[in-house]
N, C-alpha and C. Protein backbone atom coordinates (compact mmCIF):
# COMPACT_ATOMS: atom_id res chain seq x y z
N UNK A 1 55.14 89.68 76.54
CA UNK A 1 54.24 88.82 75.77
C UNK A 1 54.58 88.94 74.29
N UNK A 2 54.19 87.92 73.52
CA UNK A 2 54.51 87.96 72.10
C UNK A 2 53.72 89.04 71.38
N UNK A 3 52.51 89.35 71.86
CA UNK A 3 51.72 90.41 71.23
C UNK A 3 52.45 91.75 71.35
N UNK A 4 53.02 91.99 72.51
CA UNK A 4 53.76 93.23 72.73
C UNK A 4 54.96 93.31 71.79
N UNK A 5 55.71 92.23 71.65
CA UNK A 5 56.87 92.26 70.77
C UNK A 5 56.45 92.36 69.31
N UNK A 6 55.35 91.71 68.93
CA UNK A 6 54.83 91.83 67.56
C UNK A 6 54.47 93.28 67.27
N UNK A 7 53.82 93.96 68.21
CA UNK A 7 53.43 95.35 68.02
C UNK A 7 54.66 96.24 67.88
N UNK A 8 55.69 95.98 68.69
CA UNK A 8 56.91 96.77 68.62
C UNK A 8 57.63 96.55 67.28
N UNK A 9 57.70 95.30 66.85
CA UNK A 9 58.32 95.00 65.56
C UNK A 9 57.57 95.68 64.42
N UNK A 10 56.25 95.61 64.45
CA UNK A 10 55.44 96.24 63.40
C UNK A 10 55.66 97.74 63.39
N UNK A 11 55.65 98.37 64.56
CA UNK A 11 55.86 99.81 64.65
C UNK A 11 57.25 100.19 64.14
N UNK A 12 58.25 99.41 64.51
CA UNK A 12 59.61 99.67 64.06
C UNK A 12 59.72 99.54 62.54
N UNK A 13 59.13 98.49 61.99
CA UNK A 13 59.17 98.28 60.54
C UNK A 13 58.44 99.42 59.82
N UNK A 14 57.25 99.75 60.30
CA UNK A 14 56.46 100.81 59.65
C UNK A 14 57.21 102.14 59.69
N UNK A 15 57.89 102.43 60.79
CA UNK A 15 58.67 103.66 60.91
C UNK A 15 59.82 103.67 59.90
N UNK A 16 60.51 102.54 59.76
CA UNK A 16 61.60 102.42 58.79
C UNK A 16 61.06 102.58 57.38
N UNK A 17 59.95 101.92 57.06
CA UNK A 17 59.39 101.92 55.71
C UNK A 17 58.96 103.32 55.28
N UNK A 18 58.53 104.14 56.21
CA UNK A 18 58.10 105.51 55.88
C UNK A 18 59.22 106.32 55.25
N UNK A 19 60.45 105.99 55.59
CA UNK A 19 61.59 106.73 55.07
C UNK A 19 62.08 106.25 53.72
N UNK A 20 61.44 105.27 53.15
CA UNK A 20 61.87 104.71 51.86
C UNK A 20 61.01 105.27 50.73
N UNK A 21 61.57 105.30 49.53
CA UNK A 21 60.86 105.86 48.39
C UNK A 21 59.99 104.82 47.67
N UNK A 22 60.11 103.56 48.03
CA UNK A 22 59.34 102.49 47.39
C UNK A 22 58.71 101.61 48.46
N UNK A 23 57.62 100.92 48.12
CA UNK A 23 57.03 99.99 49.09
C UNK A 23 58.01 98.87 49.44
N UNK A 24 57.93 98.39 50.66
CA UNK A 24 58.79 97.30 51.10
C UNK A 24 57.96 96.35 51.95
N UNK A 25 58.25 95.07 51.82
CA UNK A 25 57.56 94.05 52.60
C UNK A 25 58.55 93.03 53.12
N UNK A 26 58.16 92.39 54.21
CA UNK A 26 59.01 91.40 54.86
C UNK A 26 58.12 90.32 55.45
N UNK A 27 58.55 89.08 55.33
CA UNK A 27 57.88 87.96 56.00
C UNK A 27 58.95 87.16 56.71
N UNK A 28 58.67 86.80 57.96
CA UNK A 28 59.61 86.03 58.77
C UNK A 28 58.96 84.73 59.22
N UNK A 29 59.71 83.65 59.16
CA UNK A 29 59.27 82.35 59.65
C UNK A 29 60.48 81.73 60.35
N UNK A 30 60.30 81.19 61.56
CA UNK A 30 61.44 80.55 62.24
C UNK A 30 61.97 79.36 61.43
N UNK A 31 63.28 79.16 61.47
CA UNK A 31 63.87 78.01 60.79
C UNK A 31 63.18 76.74 61.29
N UNK A 32 62.80 75.90 60.37
CA UNK A 32 62.08 74.68 60.71
C UNK A 32 60.58 74.84 60.56
N UNK A 33 60.13 76.06 60.29
CA UNK A 33 58.70 76.30 60.05
C UNK A 33 58.00 76.89 61.25
N UNK A 34 56.82 77.37 61.01
CA UNK A 34 56.02 78.00 62.05
C UNK A 34 55.16 79.08 61.47
N UNK A 35 54.66 79.93 62.34
CA UNK A 35 53.76 80.99 61.93
C UNK A 35 54.51 82.08 61.16
N UNK A 36 53.87 82.62 60.13
CA UNK A 36 54.44 83.70 59.34
C UNK A 36 54.16 85.03 60.04
N UNK A 37 55.20 85.82 60.24
CA UNK A 37 55.05 87.20 60.70
C UNK A 37 55.26 88.08 59.48
N UNK A 38 54.28 88.93 59.17
CA UNK A 38 54.35 89.76 57.96
C UNK A 38 54.38 91.23 58.31
N UNK A 39 55.16 91.98 57.54
CA UNK A 39 55.31 93.42 57.74
C UNK A 39 55.25 94.11 56.39
N UNK A 40 54.61 95.26 56.33
CA UNK A 40 54.62 96.07 55.12
C UNK A 40 53.84 95.47 53.97
N UNK A 41 54.28 95.80 52.76
CA UNK A 41 53.59 95.43 51.53
C UNK A 41 53.67 93.92 51.30
N UNK A 42 52.53 93.27 51.29
CA UNK A 42 52.48 91.82 51.09
C UNK A 42 51.88 91.44 49.72
N UNK A 43 51.84 92.38 48.79
CA UNK A 43 51.32 92.10 47.46
C UNK A 43 52.14 90.98 46.82
N UNK A 44 51.50 89.88 46.41
CA UNK A 44 52.27 88.81 45.75
C UNK A 44 52.92 89.33 44.46
N UNK A 45 54.20 89.09 44.33
CA UNK A 45 54.96 89.55 43.17
C UNK A 45 55.82 88.40 42.63
N UNK A 46 56.43 88.64 41.47
CA UNK A 46 57.22 87.58 40.85
C UNK A 46 58.51 87.32 41.63
N UNK A 47 58.96 86.09 41.52
CA UNK A 47 60.12 85.62 42.29
C UNK A 47 61.45 86.13 41.77
N UNK A 48 61.52 86.42 40.47
CA UNK A 48 62.80 86.69 39.83
C UNK A 48 63.78 85.58 40.17
N UNK A 49 65.02 85.89 40.48
CA UNK A 49 66.04 84.85 40.65
C UNK A 49 65.98 84.09 41.97
N UNK A 50 65.10 84.49 42.89
CA UNK A 50 64.99 83.71 44.13
C UNK A 50 64.46 82.31 43.84
N UNK A 51 63.72 82.14 42.74
CA UNK A 51 63.17 80.83 42.37
C UNK A 51 64.27 79.87 41.92
N UNK A 52 65.48 80.39 41.70
CA UNK A 52 66.59 79.52 41.31
C UNK A 52 66.96 78.54 42.43
N UNK A 53 66.56 78.84 43.67
CA UNK A 53 66.86 77.91 44.76
C UNK A 53 66.07 76.61 44.60
N UNK A 54 64.72 76.64 44.54
CA UNK A 54 64.02 75.37 44.31
C UNK A 54 64.34 74.76 42.95
N UNK A 55 64.65 75.59 41.95
CA UNK A 55 65.05 75.06 40.64
C UNK A 55 66.35 74.27 40.76
N UNK A 56 67.34 74.82 41.46
CA UNK A 56 68.62 74.11 41.62
C UNK A 56 68.44 72.82 42.41
N UNK A 57 67.57 72.84 43.40
CA UNK A 57 67.32 71.61 44.18
C UNK A 57 66.68 70.55 43.29
N UNK A 58 65.68 70.93 42.52
CA UNK A 58 65.01 69.97 41.63
C UNK A 58 66.01 69.39 40.62
N UNK A 59 66.84 70.25 40.04
CA UNK A 59 67.82 69.79 39.04
C UNK A 59 68.88 68.91 39.66
N UNK A 60 69.33 69.26 40.88
CA UNK A 60 70.35 68.45 41.54
C UNK A 60 69.80 67.07 41.88
N UNK A 61 68.56 67.01 42.30
CA UNK A 61 67.94 65.72 42.62
C UNK A 61 67.82 64.86 41.37
N UNK A 62 67.57 65.49 40.24
CA UNK A 62 67.41 64.76 38.98
C UNK A 62 68.75 64.36 38.36
N UNK A 63 69.73 65.27 38.45
CA UNK A 63 70.96 65.10 37.67
C UNK A 63 72.25 65.19 38.47
N UNK A 64 72.16 65.41 39.78
CA UNK A 64 73.36 65.57 40.60
C UNK A 64 73.87 67.01 40.58
N UNK A 65 74.84 67.32 41.45
CA UNK A 65 75.41 68.67 41.49
C UNK A 65 76.03 69.04 40.14
N UNK A 66 76.01 70.33 39.81
CA UNK A 66 76.54 70.75 38.51
C UNK A 66 77.11 72.15 38.60
N UNK A 67 78.04 72.45 37.69
CA UNK A 67 78.55 73.83 37.61
C UNK A 67 77.41 74.82 37.33
N UNK A 68 76.38 74.39 36.60
CA UNK A 68 75.25 75.28 36.31
C UNK A 68 74.54 75.69 37.59
N UNK A 69 74.37 74.76 38.53
CA UNK A 69 73.74 75.10 39.80
C UNK A 69 74.59 76.10 40.57
N UNK A 70 75.90 75.87 40.58
CA UNK A 70 76.80 76.80 41.26
C UNK A 70 76.67 78.20 40.67
N UNK A 71 76.72 78.30 39.35
CA UNK A 71 76.64 79.61 38.70
C UNK A 71 75.26 80.25 38.89
N UNK A 72 74.20 79.44 38.85
CA UNK A 72 72.84 79.99 39.00
C UNK A 72 72.62 80.57 40.39
N UNK A 73 73.18 79.94 41.41
CA UNK A 73 72.99 80.42 42.79
C UNK A 73 74.03 81.48 43.15
N UNK A 74 75.31 81.17 42.98
CA UNK A 74 76.37 82.06 43.45
C UNK A 74 76.41 83.36 42.64
N UNK A 75 76.34 83.25 41.31
CA UNK A 75 76.46 84.43 40.46
C UNK A 75 75.10 84.92 39.94
N UNK A 76 74.04 84.19 40.25
CA UNK A 76 72.70 84.47 39.73
C UNK A 76 72.70 84.48 38.21
N UNK A 77 73.45 83.58 37.62
CA UNK A 77 73.61 83.50 36.17
C UNK A 77 72.34 82.93 35.52
N UNK A 78 71.74 83.71 34.65
CA UNK A 78 70.47 83.30 34.02
C UNK A 78 70.65 82.16 33.02
N UNK A 79 71.73 82.18 32.25
CA UNK A 79 71.96 81.10 31.28
C UNK A 79 72.15 79.77 32.01
N UNK A 80 72.84 79.79 33.14
CA UNK A 80 73.02 78.57 33.94
C UNK A 80 71.68 78.08 34.46
N UNK A 81 70.83 79.00 34.90
CA UNK A 81 69.50 78.60 35.38
C UNK A 81 68.67 78.00 34.26
N UNK A 82 68.79 78.55 33.05
CA UNK A 82 68.06 77.98 31.90
C UNK A 82 68.56 76.56 31.62
N UNK A 83 69.85 76.31 31.81
CA UNK A 83 70.41 74.95 31.64
C UNK A 83 69.77 74.01 32.66
N UNK A 84 69.65 74.45 33.92
CA UNK A 84 69.01 73.63 34.95
C UNK A 84 67.56 73.34 34.57
N UNK A 85 66.84 74.36 34.13
CA UNK A 85 65.43 74.22 33.73
C UNK A 85 65.31 73.18 32.62
N UNK A 86 66.15 73.30 31.59
CA UNK A 86 66.10 72.37 30.45
C UNK A 86 66.44 70.95 30.87
N UNK A 87 67.28 70.79 31.90
CA UNK A 87 67.67 69.46 32.35
C UNK A 87 66.51 68.70 32.99
N UNK A 88 65.43 69.40 33.30
CA UNK A 88 64.27 68.78 33.94
C UNK A 88 63.22 68.29 32.94
N UNK A 89 63.52 68.40 31.64
CA UNK A 89 62.59 67.91 30.63
C UNK A 89 61.85 69.04 29.95
N UNK A 90 60.62 68.76 29.55
CA UNK A 90 59.79 69.78 28.90
C UNK A 90 59.47 70.88 29.90
N UNK A 91 59.02 72.03 29.43
CA UNK A 91 58.60 73.07 30.37
C UNK A 91 57.53 72.59 31.36
N UNK A 92 56.62 71.74 30.92
CA UNK A 92 55.59 71.20 31.82
C UNK A 92 56.22 70.31 32.89
N UNK A 93 57.18 69.46 32.49
CA UNK A 93 57.87 68.60 33.46
C UNK A 93 58.72 69.42 34.42
N UNK A 94 59.41 70.44 33.89
CA UNK A 94 60.24 71.30 34.74
C UNK A 94 59.38 72.06 35.75
N UNK A 95 58.27 72.60 35.27
CA UNK A 95 57.34 73.32 36.15
C UNK A 95 56.87 72.42 37.29
N UNK A 96 56.49 71.20 36.95
CA UNK A 96 56.01 70.25 37.97
C UNK A 96 57.11 69.90 38.97
N UNK A 97 58.35 69.71 38.49
CA UNK A 97 59.46 69.34 39.36
C UNK A 97 59.78 70.45 40.36
N UNK A 98 59.81 71.71 39.89
CA UNK A 98 60.14 72.82 40.78
C UNK A 98 58.97 73.09 41.74
N UNK A 99 57.76 72.96 41.24
CA UNK A 99 56.59 73.14 42.10
C UNK A 99 56.57 72.09 43.21
N UNK A 100 56.97 70.85 42.89
CA UNK A 100 57.06 69.81 43.93
C UNK A 100 58.03 70.19 45.03
N UNK A 101 59.15 70.81 44.67
CA UNK A 101 60.12 71.25 45.68
C UNK A 101 59.49 72.35 46.55
N UNK A 102 58.75 73.25 45.94
CA UNK A 102 58.06 74.29 46.73
C UNK A 102 57.10 73.64 47.73
N UNK A 103 56.32 72.65 47.28
CA UNK A 103 55.37 71.98 48.17
C UNK A 103 56.09 71.29 49.32
N UNK A 104 57.20 70.64 49.00
CA UNK A 104 57.99 69.96 50.03
C UNK A 104 58.48 70.96 51.09
N UNK A 105 58.73 72.19 50.66
CA UNK A 105 59.18 73.23 51.56
C UNK A 105 58.05 73.95 52.29
N UNK A 106 56.83 73.45 52.15
CA UNK A 106 55.70 74.01 52.89
C UNK A 106 54.92 75.09 52.16
N UNK A 107 55.34 75.45 50.94
CA UNK A 107 54.59 76.42 50.14
C UNK A 107 53.45 75.66 49.47
N UNK A 108 52.24 75.88 49.97
CA UNK A 108 51.09 75.13 49.49
C UNK A 108 50.37 75.79 48.32
N UNK A 109 50.78 77.00 47.92
CA UNK A 109 49.99 77.74 46.93
C UNK A 109 50.73 78.12 45.65
N UNK A 110 52.01 78.38 45.69
CA UNK A 110 52.71 78.87 44.50
C UNK A 110 52.86 77.75 43.47
N UNK A 111 52.72 78.12 42.20
CA UNK A 111 52.90 77.18 41.11
C UNK A 111 53.83 77.82 40.08
N UNK A 112 54.88 77.12 39.72
CA UNK A 112 55.81 77.61 38.71
C UNK A 112 55.14 77.48 37.35
N UNK A 113 55.13 78.55 36.55
CA UNK A 113 54.47 78.46 35.24
C UNK A 113 55.23 77.51 34.31
N UNK A 114 54.53 77.07 33.27
CA UNK A 114 55.17 76.19 32.28
C UNK A 114 55.31 76.87 30.92
N UNK A 115 54.91 78.14 30.84
CA UNK A 115 55.12 78.89 29.62
C UNK A 115 55.47 80.33 29.97
N UNK A 116 56.10 81.02 29.02
CA UNK A 116 56.57 82.38 29.28
C UNK A 116 55.39 83.33 29.49
N UNK A 117 55.47 84.11 30.57
CA UNK A 117 54.45 85.11 30.85
C UNK A 117 54.89 86.47 30.31
N UNK A 118 56.19 86.71 30.26
CA UNK A 118 56.77 87.90 29.65
C UNK A 118 57.87 87.40 28.72
N UNK A 119 57.74 87.63 27.43
CA UNK A 119 58.63 86.97 26.46
C UNK A 119 60.11 87.21 26.68
N UNK A 120 60.48 88.34 27.27
CA UNK A 120 61.90 88.66 27.42
C UNK A 120 62.54 88.04 28.66
N UNK A 121 61.74 87.34 29.48
CA UNK A 121 62.27 86.78 30.73
C UNK A 121 62.02 85.27 30.82
N UNK A 122 62.75 84.62 31.74
CA UNK A 122 62.62 83.18 31.91
C UNK A 122 61.21 82.81 32.37
N UNK A 123 60.82 81.59 32.07
CA UNK A 123 59.53 81.06 32.52
C UNK A 123 59.49 81.07 34.04
N UNK A 124 60.49 80.45 34.65
CA UNK A 124 60.49 80.22 36.10
C UNK A 124 60.61 81.52 36.89
N UNK A 125 61.36 82.50 36.40
CA UNK A 125 61.54 83.76 37.11
C UNK A 125 60.27 84.56 37.28
N UNK A 126 59.26 84.26 36.46
CA UNK A 126 57.98 84.97 36.54
C UNK A 126 56.97 84.25 37.44
N UNK A 127 57.45 83.28 38.22
CA UNK A 127 56.59 82.63 39.22
C UNK A 127 56.11 83.67 40.22
N UNK A 128 54.81 83.75 40.45
CA UNK A 128 54.31 84.62 41.52
C UNK A 128 54.58 83.91 42.84
N UNK A 129 55.34 84.58 43.71
CA UNK A 129 55.76 83.97 44.97
C UNK A 129 55.52 84.96 46.10
N UNK A 130 54.42 84.78 46.82
CA UNK A 130 54.10 85.67 47.94
C UNK A 130 55.19 85.59 48.99
N UNK A 131 55.41 86.70 49.69
CA UNK A 131 56.48 86.74 50.69
C UNK A 131 56.32 85.68 51.76
N UNK A 132 55.09 85.47 52.24
CA UNK A 132 54.87 84.45 53.27
C UNK A 132 55.20 83.06 52.79
N UNK A 133 54.85 82.76 51.54
CA UNK A 133 55.17 81.44 50.96
C UNK A 133 56.68 81.27 50.78
N UNK A 134 57.35 82.34 50.33
CA UNK A 134 58.80 82.27 50.15
C UNK A 134 59.50 82.12 51.49
N UNK A 135 59.00 82.81 52.52
CA UNK A 135 59.59 82.70 53.85
C UNK A 135 59.38 81.31 54.44
N UNK A 136 58.19 80.75 54.23
CA UNK A 136 57.92 79.39 54.71
C UNK A 136 58.86 78.39 54.05
N UNK A 137 59.01 78.50 52.72
CA UNK A 137 59.93 77.62 52.00
C UNK A 137 61.36 77.78 52.53
N UNK A 138 61.80 79.02 52.69
CA UNK A 138 63.17 79.28 53.16
C UNK A 138 63.40 78.73 54.56
N UNK A 139 62.40 78.85 55.42
CA UNK A 139 62.52 78.35 56.80
C UNK A 139 62.63 76.83 56.84
N UNK A 140 61.99 76.16 55.89
CA UNK A 140 62.03 74.70 55.84
C UNK A 140 63.23 74.15 55.07
N UNK A 141 63.87 75.00 54.29
CA UNK A 141 64.96 74.57 53.41
C UNK A 141 66.05 73.77 54.14
N UNK A 142 66.54 74.23 55.31
CA UNK A 142 67.60 73.45 55.97
C UNK A 142 67.14 72.09 56.47
N UNK A 143 65.83 71.89 56.59
CA UNK A 143 65.30 70.64 57.12
C UNK A 143 64.92 69.65 56.01
N UNK A 144 64.98 70.09 54.77
CA UNK A 144 64.61 69.24 53.64
C UNK A 144 65.80 68.36 53.26
N UNK A 145 65.53 67.10 52.90
CA UNK A 145 66.64 66.23 52.49
C UNK A 145 67.26 66.69 51.18
N UNK A 146 68.56 66.55 51.08
CA UNK A 146 69.26 66.81 49.82
C UNK A 146 69.39 68.28 49.47
N UNK A 147 69.36 69.17 50.46
CA UNK A 147 69.48 70.59 50.16
C UNK A 147 70.81 71.18 50.63
N UNK A 148 71.66 70.37 51.23
CA UNK A 148 72.91 70.86 51.81
C UNK A 148 73.81 71.58 50.82
N UNK A 149 73.96 71.04 49.62
CA UNK A 149 74.83 71.66 48.63
C UNK A 149 74.30 73.03 48.23
N UNK A 150 73.00 73.13 47.97
CA UNK A 150 72.42 74.41 47.56
C UNK A 150 72.53 75.42 48.70
N UNK A 151 72.31 74.99 49.94
CA UNK A 151 72.48 75.89 51.08
C UNK A 151 73.92 76.41 51.17
N UNK A 152 74.88 75.54 50.94
CA UNK A 152 76.29 75.96 50.95
C UNK A 152 76.55 76.99 49.85
N UNK A 153 75.98 76.77 48.67
CA UNK A 153 76.12 77.75 47.59
C UNK A 153 75.51 79.09 47.99
N UNK A 154 74.35 79.04 48.66
CA UNK A 154 73.67 80.26 49.11
C UNK A 154 74.50 81.02 50.16
N UNK A 155 75.33 80.31 50.90
CA UNK A 155 76.21 80.95 51.88
C UNK A 155 77.35 81.70 51.20
N UNK A 156 77.66 81.33 49.96
CA UNK A 156 78.80 81.92 49.26
C UNK A 156 78.41 82.76 48.05
N UNK A 157 77.24 83.39 48.09
CA UNK A 157 76.80 84.18 46.94
C UNK A 157 77.77 85.32 46.62
N UNK A 158 77.77 85.72 45.35
CA UNK A 158 78.63 86.79 44.88
C UNK A 158 78.23 88.14 45.46
N UNK A 159 79.07 89.13 45.20
CA UNK A 159 78.87 90.47 45.73
C UNK A 159 77.55 91.10 45.34
N UNK A 160 76.99 90.70 44.18
CA UNK A 160 75.72 91.29 43.74
C UNK A 160 74.54 90.84 44.61
N UNK A 161 74.78 89.94 45.56
CA UNK A 161 73.71 89.47 46.45
C UNK A 161 74.06 89.64 47.93
N UNK A 162 75.11 90.36 48.22
CA UNK A 162 75.56 90.50 49.61
C UNK A 162 74.97 91.76 50.24
N UNK A 163 73.66 91.74 50.41
CA UNK A 163 72.91 92.83 51.02
C UNK A 163 71.77 92.21 51.82
N UNK A 164 70.98 93.01 52.51
CA UNK A 164 69.87 92.47 53.29
C UNK A 164 70.38 91.55 54.38
N UNK A 165 69.85 90.33 54.42
CA UNK A 165 70.26 89.36 55.44
C UNK A 165 71.75 89.07 55.39
N UNK A 166 72.32 89.12 54.21
CA UNK A 166 73.75 88.80 54.05
C UNK A 166 74.64 89.87 54.68
N UNK A 167 74.09 91.05 54.94
CA UNK A 167 74.87 92.15 55.51
C UNK A 167 74.94 92.09 57.03
N UNK A 168 74.23 91.14 57.65
CA UNK A 168 74.28 91.02 59.11
C UNK A 168 75.67 90.52 59.50
N UNK A 169 76.39 91.29 60.33
CA UNK A 169 77.76 90.88 60.65
C UNK A 169 77.83 89.61 61.51
N UNK A 170 78.94 88.90 61.34
CA UNK A 170 79.27 87.72 62.15
C UNK A 170 78.22 86.62 62.08
N UNK A 171 77.58 86.47 60.96
CA UNK A 171 76.60 85.40 60.79
C UNK A 171 76.89 84.70 59.46
N UNK A 172 76.78 83.38 59.46
CA UNK A 172 76.82 82.63 58.22
C UNK A 172 75.38 82.53 57.75
N UNK A 173 75.08 83.23 56.68
CA UNK A 173 73.71 83.32 56.22
C UNK A 173 73.61 82.81 54.79
N UNK A 174 72.62 81.97 54.56
CA UNK A 174 72.34 81.46 53.21
C UNK A 174 71.26 82.34 52.60
N UNK A 175 71.58 83.00 51.47
CA UNK A 175 70.61 83.89 50.82
C UNK A 175 70.59 83.65 49.32
N UNK A 176 69.55 84.16 48.70
CA UNK A 176 69.48 84.25 47.23
C UNK A 176 68.70 85.50 46.90
N UNK A 177 69.29 86.37 46.12
CA UNK A 177 68.63 87.60 45.70
C UNK A 177 68.03 87.45 44.31
N UNK A 178 67.13 88.35 44.01
CA UNK A 178 66.52 88.41 42.69
C UNK A 178 66.04 89.82 42.42
N UNK A 179 66.06 90.23 41.16
CA UNK A 179 65.65 91.60 40.84
C UNK A 179 65.28 91.68 39.37
N UNK A 180 64.42 92.63 39.06
CA UNK A 180 64.03 92.86 37.68
C UNK A 180 62.96 93.92 37.57
N UNK A 181 62.71 94.37 36.33
CA UNK A 181 61.73 95.43 36.09
C UNK A 181 60.30 94.94 36.25
N UNK A 182 59.50 95.77 36.90
CA UNK A 182 58.07 95.47 37.04
C UNK A 182 57.32 95.94 35.80
N UNK A 183 56.12 95.42 35.63
CA UNK A 183 55.29 95.85 34.49
C UNK A 183 54.94 97.32 34.58
N UNK A 184 54.89 97.87 35.80
CA UNK A 184 54.51 99.28 35.98
C UNK A 184 55.69 100.24 35.79
N UNK A 185 56.84 99.72 35.38
CA UNK A 185 58.00 100.57 35.13
C UNK A 185 58.93 100.69 36.30
N UNK A 186 58.54 100.21 37.48
CA UNK A 186 59.42 100.23 38.64
C UNK A 186 60.38 99.07 38.61
N UNK A 187 61.06 98.83 39.72
CA UNK A 187 62.02 97.75 39.82
C UNK A 187 61.71 96.97 41.09
N UNK A 188 61.74 95.66 41.00
CA UNK A 188 61.47 94.81 42.15
C UNK A 188 62.75 94.11 42.57
N UNK A 189 63.07 94.18 43.85
CA UNK A 189 64.23 93.49 44.42
C UNK A 189 63.73 92.56 45.50
N UNK A 190 64.17 91.30 45.46
CA UNK A 190 63.74 90.30 46.44
C UNK A 190 64.94 89.57 47.01
N UNK A 191 64.75 89.00 48.19
CA UNK A 191 65.78 88.15 48.79
C UNK A 191 65.09 87.11 49.67
N UNK A 192 65.57 85.87 49.58
CA UNK A 192 65.17 84.84 50.54
C UNK A 192 66.42 84.45 51.31
N UNK A 193 66.21 83.93 52.51
CA UNK A 193 67.36 83.50 53.30
C UNK A 193 66.93 82.81 54.58
């Protein structure tokens, strides 16, 4: 039964998490959408560079494919992502465009900010993106129109993002990693795929 497998998965995850020095959380959604399965720490946290995926989609829809999108996804280049953000108009217009892509991907709650929340970081990277919402968006990504190029870029990410889902052998996996310092002095690492 699915309840039995859910219990086994939860027990396995909890056992693994006990051996780690930091909290860890995971959300799974079948490709094409469905129910969210959540494990571990589900505290909503900032997206960091994982938000570059809906940003690149919004910018590509507005302006076509660009070297900036390639660099923002493959190399997680922040200057390239800022170029994509600026290409969407004012911060308010850019926020609305990226938030629309999130909604299209089934994320009904996350909103990309339109002003800097932490002065030293990008506006978009400080989007609060709960794991379940990010997993729902990621699961719907292959089914959304006009996302093929970004998905291909996610399949070819640089070495700094080849961990987590990307480390599964013999699989072509589309991922995007993100990382940065938390307000509490720790470090947050995220991945969608």
